[in-house]
Amino acid sequence: MRDYYVDIVWPINIAILAAVILTVAAIIICLILKDYIWHRRRQELLDIKSNVYEMAISGRKKCVIPKSSAPRLTSRQLIDIETNRGRDMVFFNDSEQEMFKKCFITPEYIAALSRTVKNSWSKRRRIEAIICLGYSGSDKAVDALAGPVLSRDTDIAYFSIIALGRIKTPRSAGLLLRAMKNSPANRLKISSLLDGFPPETADEIIKFTDDKDPDLRALAITLLARFNPVKYIKKLESLAEDKSPEVRAAACECLGASGSAQAGATLVERLKDGNWLVKTRAVLALEKVEGAAALPEVINLISDASWSVVDAVKDVMTSHIKESLPYIEKFISGKDEIAKKYSAIALENSGYVTELLGRIAEGRGDSRDLRLLEGVIKSGLHFGVEAAVGSLDSAGRAAAVKAIGKIDRKLAGHIKRRLSALERREGPA
């Protein structure tokens, strides 16, 4: 009887064996090919590094590309070198990267990348070329990015923004600002990229303070504050009267960043603004411009309806605590609970409570010191008092606790118990 089972299974086994052999052969070929590509890539980078090194030690002004290297610098090589993506193969330090740019980033290479950005059908190649234009750091690359940065393709536009952020020239800043107007979603990213741009960037930024979009006007003013806006004081003073509160607030902040005494009158006027954000920025800006001299103007806002404004006044008092003492003494003994509370916070945050407790403990405290201490304790915000007592020596602690006991016996007892427990754990001070 004929065994049909063998006739069926045997061809199947042969087919499976052939498939296994082909698969193993394919894997081996892929591994060999991968190893070859890796070694070639490494050798090309080594040739470039060697060329740059020889250029450095010989003082040559012009590079000679080795025959073993690629006939033309590839995008992959530029990215490898600028990001040290292949640091396990070859590492380029900062000086080598700079020399590499001088050596290989030629006008012809920029032109080739520009053609790729404009004409390539492959999105991947276009993005790769855009990245390389950014790494080139060449102002000649800006023209090639003018179209892509305003592209409707979000990927192309995003990578163009990143590339322009690396070039750092007034022209690239102008394009970034146009992109900021064109793409609200990327505004914060562009704002962060503009850090480190040259001072001349301010001349591009000021153009956008007249834009119809109030959000863009406010952002442009905020950016301007990073670039020494003294020469634009008059323009900023007019913007401080803008119909948008966000623009007025940004203008106040920028006037403060200018440090110009000329801005004082405008900022004092903004203290009367009906918007809490504008008043807050005006308080902080006036302090930057006038220092302690701003106190008489801002101090009355300690009772403002906005917590943000009151907090800003408290910060000014804290920064100029000695000059603020006459006002604080008045608030401490007054009936305005908010003014009393924030005066106590200013005394504690400035470290003045520690100073006056030290004087009281040494017997040098005057009537003002005692009144201020009493005001802080009665405000209920006396954590700083406890910490200040703990910073004194044993004799000073005893004297301070005694002085506190005349104001609040319960608090004095609480502090004494805490100090005793601390000494038992850590030993006598």
Protein backbone atom coordinates (compact mmCIF):
# COMPACT_ATOMS: atom_id res chain seq x y z
CA MET A 1 0.00 0.00 0.00
CA ARG A 2 1.42 3.42 -1.01
CA ASP A 3 2.30 5.83 1.89
CA TYR A 4 0.83 9.16 0.76
CA TYR A 5 1.79 10.78 4.08
CA VAL A 6 5.49 10.82 3.13
CA ASP A 7 4.72 12.26 -0.29
CA ILE A 8 2.88 15.22 1.33
CA VAL A 9 5.13 15.94 4.35
CA TRP A 10 8.51 15.69 2.66
CA PRO A 11 8.01 18.66 0.23
CA ILE A 12 6.63 20.72 3.13
CA ASN A 13 9.74 19.98 5.22
CA ILE A 14 11.99 20.94 2.32
CA ALA A 15 10.10 24.23 1.89
CA ILE A 16 10.37 25.02 5.62
CA LEU A 17 14.09 24.19 5.64
CA ALA A 18 14.66 26.42 2.60
CA ALA A 19 12.75 29.26 4.27
CA VAL A 20 14.85 28.89 7.45
CA ILE A 21 18.09 28.89 5.45
CA LEU A 22 17.03 31.98 3.50
CA THR A 23 15.98 33.76 6.69
CA VAL A 24 19.28 33.00 8.43
CA ALA A 25 21.19 34.11 5.31
CA ALA A 26 19.18 37.34 5.17
CA ILE A 27 19.91 38.04 8.85
CA ILE A 28 23.62 37.43 8.36
CA ILE A 29 23.69 39.66 5.27
CA CYS A 30 21.84 42.44 7.18
CA LEU A 31 24.27 42.20 10.09
CA ILE A 32 27.27 42.34 7.75
CA LEU A 33 25.74 45.26 5.84
CA LYS A 34 24.92 47.09 9.07
CA ASP A 35 28.44 46.58 10.36
CA TYR A 36 29.88 47.81 7.06
CA ILE A 37 27.69 50.92 7.06
CA TRP A 38 28.62 51.67 10.69
CA HIS A 39 32.34 51.35 9.99
CA ARG A 40 32.04 53.48 6.86
CA ARG A 41 30.09 56.14 8.74
CA ARG A 42 32.69 56.11 11.51
CA GLN A 43 35.57 56.36 9.02
CA GLU A 44 33.96 59.31 7.25
CA LEU A 45 33.58 61.16 10.57
CA LEU A 46 37.17 60.28 11.52
CA ASP A 47 38.39 61.67 8.17
CA ILE A 48 36.51 64.92 8.79
CA LYS A 49 37.84 65.16 12.36
CA SER A 50 41.38 64.47 11.15
CA ASN A 51 41.06 67.16 8.51
CA VAL A 52 39.79 69.69 11.05
CA TYR A 53 42.57 68.75 13.47
CA GLU A 54 45.27 69.13 10.81
CA MET A 55 43.80 72.47 9.83
CA ALA A 56 43.99 73.63 13.46
CA ILE A 57 47.63 72.66 14.03
CA SER A 58 48.86 73.80 10.62
CA GLY A 59 47.04 77.13 10.57
CA ARG A 60 45.62 76.48 7.09
CA LYS A 61 42.77 78.78 6.11
CA LYS A 62 41.26 76.34 3.62
CA CYS A 63 40.22 72.72 4.07
CA VAL A 64 41.19 69.86 1.85
CA ILE A 65 38.60 67.08 2.01
CA PRO A 66 40.32 63.65 2.15
CA LYS A 67 39.68 61.33 -0.75
CA SER A 68 38.45 58.63 1.61
CA SER A 69 35.66 60.85 2.84
CA ALA A 70 32.36 61.42 1.08
CA PRO A 71 32.59 63.63 -2.01
CA ARG A 72 30.09 66.01 -0.48
CA LEU A 73 29.11 66.65 3.14
CA THR A 74 25.86 64.85 3.85
CA SER A 75 23.04 66.05 6.07
CA ARG A 76 23.54 63.03 8.30
CA GLN A 77 27.20 63.92 8.83
CA LEU A 78 26.40 67.54 9.70
CA ILE A 79 23.81 66.46 12.25
CA ASP A 80 26.17 63.78 13.65
CA ILE A 81 28.90 66.37 14.18
CA GLU A 82 26.79 69.25 15.49
CA THR A 83 24.80 67.11 17.94
CA ASN A 84 27.52 64.51 18.63
CA ARG A 85 24.83 61.99 17.88
CA GLY A 86 27.55 59.43 17.15
CA ARG A 87 29.66 60.25 20.21
CA ASP A 88 30.36 56.53 20.68
CA MET A 89 32.07 56.65 17.25
CA VAL A 90 33.70 60.08 17.10
CA PHE A 91 33.32 63.08 19.42
CA PHE A 92 33.68 66.71 18.27
CA ASN A 93 34.32 69.34 20.94
CA ASP A 94 33.10 72.96 20.64
CA SER A 95 36.24 74.32 18.97
CA GLU A 96 36.30 71.43 16.49
CA GLN A 97 32.66 72.08 15.64
CA GLU A 98 33.41 75.74 14.95
CA MET A 99 36.36 74.87 12.72
CA PHE A 100 34.25 72.25 10.98
CA LYS A 101 31.69 74.93 10.08
CA LYS A 102 34.37 77.22 8.68
CA CYS A 103 35.77 74.31 6.72
CA PHE A 104 32.70 72.62 5.29
CA ILE A 105 29.71 74.99 5.53
CA THR A 106 30.28 76.81 2.25
CA PRO A 107 27.88 79.00 0.22
CA GLU A 108 27.62 76.12 -2.23
CA TYR A 109 26.55 73.76 0.55
CA ILE A 110 23.94 76.24 1.82
CA ALA A 111 22.63 76.58 -1.73
CA ALA A 112 22.36 72.80 -2.09
CA LEU A 113 20.39 72.55 1.17
CA SER A 114 18.15 75.41 0.02
CA ARG A 115 17.34 73.56 -3.19
CA THR A 116 16.45 70.46 -1.21
CA VAL A 117 14.11 72.46 1.04
CA LYS A 118 12.42 74.04 -1.97
CA ASN A 119 12.27 71.18 -4.48
CA SER A 120 12.41 67.81 -2.71
CA TRP A 121 9.26 65.70 -2.81
CA SER A 122 10.37 63.87 0.34
CA LYS A 123 9.16 65.53 3.54
CA ARG A 124 11.84 63.71 5.53
CA ARG A 125 14.61 65.11 3.31
CA ARG A 126 13.15 68.61 3.48
CA ILE A 127 13.04 68.52 7.29
CA GLU A 128 16.57 67.13 7.40
CA ALA A 129 17.79 69.97 5.17
CA ILE A 130 15.94 72.53 7.32
CA ILE A 131 17.64 71.19 10.45
CA CYS A 132 21.01 71.41 8.71
CA LEU A 133 20.39 75.01 7.69
CA GLY A 134 19.80 75.78 11.34
CA TYR A 135 22.97 74.01 12.45
CA SER A 136 24.95 75.88 9.83
CA GLY A 137 24.41 79.09 11.80
CA SER A 138 24.76 81.02 8.54
CA ASP A 139 22.75 84.17 7.92
CA LYS A 140 22.60 83.06 4.27
CA ALA A 141 20.30 80.23 5.38
CA VAL A 142 17.61 82.67 6.52
CA ASP A 143 16.27 83.28 2.99
CA ALA A 144 15.79 79.53 2.45
CA LEU A 145 13.69 79.34 5.63
CA ALA A 146 11.46 82.33 4.89
CA GLY A 147 8.86 80.20 3.10
CA PRO A 148 8.94 77.03 5.22
CA VAL A 149 8.55 78.91 8.53
CA LEU A 150 5.15 80.16 7.35
CA SER A 151 4.14 76.80 5.84
CA ARG A 152 0.72 75.30 6.51
CA ASP A 153 2.47 72.01 7.18
CA THR A 154 2.91 72.16 10.97
CA ASP A 155 5.96 69.88 10.92
CA ILE A 156 7.79 71.96 8.31
CA ALA A 157 6.88 75.19 10.13
CA TYR A 158 7.97 73.83 13.52
CA PHE A 159 11.40 72.61 12.38
CA SER A 160 11.93 75.88 10.49
CA ILE A 161 11.26 77.78 13.74
CA ILE A 162 13.81 75.62 15.56
CA ALA A 163 16.35 76.17 12.77
CA LEU A 164 15.90 79.96 12.81
CA GLY A 165 16.30 79.91 16.57
CA ARG A 166 19.84 78.59 16.11
CA ILE A 167 20.96 81.24 13.63
CA LYS A 168 20.48 84.19 16.05
CA THR A 169 20.64 87.23 13.78
CA PRO A 170 18.21 90.18 13.52
CA ARG A 171 16.99 88.80 10.17
CA SER A 172 16.16 85.39 11.64
CA ALA A 173 14.47 87.17 14.58
CA GLY A 174 12.29 89.08 12.12
CA LEU A 175 11.16 85.81 10.52
CA LEU A 176 10.50 84.25 13.93
CA LEU A 177 8.32 87.21 14.86
CA ARG A 178 6.38 86.83 11.60
CA ALA A 179 5.91 83.16 12.46
CA MET A 180 4.72 84.22 15.91
CA LYS A 181 2.00 86.26 14.28
CA ASN A 182 1.17 83.48 11.82
CA SER A 183 1.13 80.63 14.36
CA PRO A 184 -0.30 81.46 17.82
CA ALA A 185 0.31 77.86 18.93
CA ASN A 186 4.08 78.37 18.63
CA ARG A 187 4.28 81.77 20.33
CA LEU A 188 5.69 80.56 23.64
CA LYS A 189 8.23 78.37 21.84
CA ILE A 190 9.39 81.28 19.68
CA SER A 191 9.53 83.54 22.72
CA SER A 192 11.91 81.15 24.47
CA LEU A 193 14.06 80.79 21.33
CA LEU A 194 14.65 84.55 21.14
CA ASP A 195 16.75 84.47 24.31
CA GLY A 196 20.39 85.04 23.44
CA PHE A 197 19.69 86.99 20.25
CA PRO A 198 21.77 90.17 19.68
CA PRO A 199 20.57 93.57 21.03
CA GLU A 200 19.64 94.69 17.50
CA THR A 201 16.72 92.25 17.71
CA ALA A 202 14.82 94.97 19.60
CA ASP A 203 14.49 96.92 16.33
CA GLU A 204 12.54 93.98 14.87
CA ILE A 205 10.43 93.40 18.00
CA ILE A 206 9.26 97.01 18.30
CA LYS A 207 7.55 96.74 14.89
CA PHE A 208 5.06 94.23 16.33
CA THR A 209 3.92 96.51 19.19
CA ASP A 210 1.55 98.17 16.69
CA ASP A 211 -0.11 94.92 15.64
CA LYS A 212 -3.92 94.69 15.75
CA ASP A 213 -3.75 91.55 17.93
CA PRO A 214 -3.50 92.67 21.60
CA ASP A 215 -2.00 89.34 22.64
CA LEU A 216 0.80 89.76 20.09
CA ARG A 217 1.35 93.38 21.19
CA ALA A 218 1.67 92.29 24.82
CA LEU A 219 4.03 89.44 23.94
CA ALA A 220 6.20 91.73 21.79
CA ILE A 221 6.50 94.20 24.69
CA THR A 222 7.41 91.37 27.08
CA LEU A 223 10.11 90.27 24.64
CA LEU A 224 11.37 93.84 24.31
CA ALA A 225 12.06 93.91 28.07
CA ARG A 226 14.89 91.40 27.50
CA PHE A 227 16.73 93.72 25.10
CA ASN A 228 17.43 96.92 27.10
CA PRO A 229 14.39 98.94 25.95
CA VAL A 230 15.70 102.38 27.07
CA LYS A 231 15.61 103.81 23.53
CA TYR A 232 11.90 103.00 23.27
CA ILE A 233 10.70 104.76 26.45
CA LYS A 234 8.40 107.16 24.57
CA LYS A 235 6.79 104.31 22.66
CA LEU A 236 6.33 102.29 25.85
CA GLU A 237 4.75 105.26 27.61
CA SER A 238 2.12 105.44 24.88
CA LEU A 239 1.59 101.67 25.09
CA ALA A 240 1.00 102.04 28.85
CA GLU A 241 -2.29 103.73 27.86
CA ASP A 242 -3.34 100.98 25.45
CA LYS A 243 -6.98 99.86 25.59
CA SER A 244 -5.88 96.29 26.41
CA PRO A 245 -4.99 95.73 30.10
CA GLU A 246 -2.53 92.98 29.13
CA VAL A 247 -0.68 95.45 26.89
CA ARG A 248 -0.67 98.13 29.62
CA ALA A 249 0.66 95.61 32.14
CA ALA A 250 3.40 94.45 29.75
CA ALA A 251 4.35 98.08 29.07
CA CYS A 252 4.71 98.74 32.82
CA GLU A 253 6.94 95.69 33.20
CA CYS A 254 9.06 96.78 30.24
CA LEU A 255 9.38 100.33 31.62
CA GLY A 256 10.61 98.81 34.88
CA ALA A 257 13.14 96.70 32.99
CA SER A 258 14.47 99.84 31.33
CA GLY A 259 15.58 101.20 34.70
CA SER A 260 15.01 104.71 33.39
CA ALA A 261 13.90 107.39 35.87
CA GLN A 262 12.04 108.95 32.95
CA ALA A 263 9.45 106.14 33.25
CA GLY A 264 8.51 107.09 36.83
CA ALA A 265 5.68 109.51 36.02
CA THR A 266 3.98 107.02 33.68
CA LEU A 267 4.21 104.22 36.25
CA VAL A 268 2.78 106.43 39.02
CA GLU A 269 -0.17 107.15 36.76
CA ARG A 270 -0.70 103.41 36.19
CA LEU A 271 -1.00 102.89 39.97
CA LYS A 272 -4.49 104.37 39.55
CA ASP A 273 -5.42 101.90 36.79
CA GLY A 274 -8.67 100.03 37.18
CA ASN A 275 -7.09 96.67 36.34
CA TRP A 276 -5.35 94.64 39.08
CA LEU A 277 -2.69 93.22 36.74
CA VAL A 278 -1.66 96.67 35.52
CA LYS A 279 -1.42 98.00 39.09
CA THR A 280 0.63 94.98 40.21
CA ARG A 281 3.13 95.40 37.39
CA ALA A 282 3.26 99.16 37.96
CA VAL A 283 4.11 98.69 41.66
CA LEU A 284 6.96 96.28 40.91
CA ALA A 285 8.22 98.34 37.97
CA LEU A 286 8.24 101.59 39.96
CA GLU A 287 10.37 99.91 42.64
CA LYS A 288 12.86 98.84 39.95
CA VAL A 289 13.05 102.40 38.62
CA GLU A 290 13.03 104.40 41.86
CA GLY A 291 14.00 101.91 44.57
CA ALA A 292 12.96 102.96 48.10
CA ALA A 293 11.75 106.31 46.72
CA ALA A 294 8.74 104.42 45.28
CA LEU A 295 7.39 103.67 48.79
CA PRO A 296 5.37 106.89 49.26
CA GLU A 297 3.62 106.23 45.93
CA VAL A 298 2.84 102.52 46.36
CA ILE A 299 2.26 102.26 50.10
CA ASN A 300 -1.40 103.33 49.98
CA LEU A 301 -2.15 100.28 47.82
CA ILE A 302 -1.57 98.06 50.89
CA SER A 303 -5.37 98.15 51.31
CA ASP A 304 -6.16 97.45 47.65
CA ALA A 305 -8.99 95.05 46.86
CA SER A 306 -6.63 92.81 44.85
CA TRP A 307 -4.44 90.36 46.78
CA SER A 308 -1.94 90.47 43.93
CA VAL A 309 -1.48 94.24 44.29
CA VAL A 310 -1.15 93.99 48.07
CA ASP A 311 1.40 91.22 47.70
CA ALA A 312 3.43 93.40 45.32
CA VAL A 313 3.42 96.25 47.87
CA LYS A 314 4.56 93.77 50.52
CA ASP A 315 7.47 92.76 48.30
CA VAL A 316 8.52 96.41 47.92
CA MET A 317 8.36 96.85 51.71
CA THR A 318 10.41 93.71 52.22
CA SER A 319 13.10 94.88 49.79
CA HIS A 320 13.38 98.25 51.56
CA ILE A 321 12.49 97.31 55.12
CA LYS A 322 14.41 100.10 56.89
CA GLU A 323 12.72 102.79 54.81
CA SER A 324 9.36 101.04 55.31
CA LEU A 325 9.50 101.04 59.13
CA PRO A 326 7.58 104.34 59.61
CA TYR A 327 4.72 102.98 57.48
CA ILE A 328 4.84 99.53 59.08
CA GLU A 329 4.74 101.02 62.58
CA LYS A 330 1.62 102.93 61.60
CA PHE A 331 -0.04 99.86 60.07
CA ILE A 332 0.88 97.61 63.00
CA SER A 333 -0.89 99.89 65.46
CA GLY A 334 -3.83 100.59 63.13
CA LYS A 335 -7.14 98.85 62.55
CA ASP A 336 -6.60 97.67 58.98
CA GLU A 337 -6.11 93.93 59.45
CA ILE A 338 -4.81 93.36 55.93
CA ALA A 339 -2.19 96.11 56.27
CA LYS A 340 -1.24 94.73 59.69
CA LYS A 341 -0.89 91.18 58.36
CA TYR A 342 1.25 92.10 55.36
CA SER A 343 3.42 94.43 57.43
CA ALA A 344 4.18 91.50 59.75
CA ILE A 345 5.02 89.30 56.77
CA ALA A 346 7.37 91.96 55.39
CA LEU A 347 9.15 92.17 58.77
CA GLU A 348 9.58 88.40 58.92
CA ASN A 349 10.54 87.88 55.27
CA SER A 350 13.18 90.61 55.44
CA GLY A 351 14.81 89.11 58.54
CA TYR A 352 14.12 92.26 60.53
CA VAL A 353 12.34 90.32 63.30
CA THR A 354 15.59 88.44 64.00
CA GLU A 355 17.46 91.74 64.07
CA LEU A 356 15.11 93.47 66.51
CA LEU A 357 14.89 90.38 68.76
CA GLY A 358 18.67 90.35 68.91
CA ARG A 359 18.67 93.99 70.04
CA ILE A 360 15.95 93.32 72.61
CA ALA A 361 17.85 90.28 73.96
CA GLU A 362 21.00 92.40 74.33
CA GLY A 363 19.08 95.18 76.10
CA ARG A 364 19.49 97.59 73.19
CA GLY A 365 15.92 97.46 71.97
CA ASP A 366 13.99 100.74 71.84
CA SER A 367 10.29 101.49 72.04
CA ARG A 368 9.89 101.06 68.27
CA ASP A 369 11.39 97.55 68.42
CA LEU A 370 8.95 96.59 71.17
CA ARG A 371 5.97 98.04 69.29
CA LEU A 372 6.95 96.20 66.11
CA LEU A 373 7.44 92.93 67.99
CA GLU A 374 4.06 93.35 69.64
CA GLY A 375 2.43 94.01 66.28
CA VAL A 376 3.95 90.89 64.71
CA ILE A 377 2.86 88.72 67.64
CA LYS A 378 -0.68 90.11 67.74
CA SER A 379 -1.02 89.63 63.98
CA GLY A 380 -0.95 85.89 64.62
CA LEU A 381 1.87 85.42 62.07
CA HIS A 382 4.57 84.67 64.61
CA PHE A 383 6.30 81.63 63.12
CA GLY A 384 9.18 83.92 62.22
CA VAL A 385 9.39 85.01 65.87
CA GLU A 386 9.85 81.39 66.97
CA ALA A 387 12.56 80.82 64.36
CA ALA A 388 14.29 84.08 65.33
CA VAL A 389 14.39 83.12 69.01
CA GLY A 390 15.90 79.75 68.08
CA SER A 391 18.77 81.51 66.28
CA LEU A 392 19.95 83.24 69.51
CA ASP A 393 22.33 81.85 72.12
CA SER A 394 21.03 80.54 75.46
CA ALA A 395 21.14 83.89 77.24
CA GLY A 396 19.58 85.64 74.27
CA ARG A 397 16.79 83.08 74.09
CA ALA A 398 15.91 83.58 77.73
CA ALA A 399 15.85 87.37 77.35
CA ALA A 400 13.79 87.15 74.16
CA VAL A 401 11.25 84.76 75.69
CA LYS A 402 10.93 87.11 78.67
CA ALA A 403 10.22 90.07 76.36
CA ILE A 404 7.68 87.99 74.39
CA GLY A 405 6.02 86.93 77.66
CA LYS A 406 5.17 90.56 78.43
CA ILE A 407 3.18 90.65 75.21
CA ASP A 408 1.77 87.11 75.01
CA ARG A 409 2.40 84.72 77.92
CA LYS A 410 0.89 81.78 76.06
CA LEU A 411 3.22 82.22 73.07
CA ALA A 412 6.22 82.64 75.37
CA GLY A 413 5.37 79.37 77.12
CA HIS A 414 4.94 77.61 73.78
CA ILE A 415 8.33 78.84 72.52
CA LYS A 416 10.01 77.87 75.80
CA ARG A 417 8.64 74.32 75.61
CA ARG A 418 9.74 73.93 71.98
CA LEU A 419 13.25 75.17 72.78
CA SER A 420 13.50 72.80 75.75
CA ALA A 421 12.43 69.84 73.58
CA LEU A 422 14.95 70.87 70.91
CA GLU A 423 17.78 71.10 73.45
CA ARG A 424 16.95 67.66 74.85
CA ARG A 425 17.18 66.16 71.33
CA GLU A 426 20.26 68.04 70.14
CA GLY A 427 21.98 69.14 73.35
CA PRO A 428 22.34 72.65 74.76
CA ALA A 429 22.98 75.45 72.26
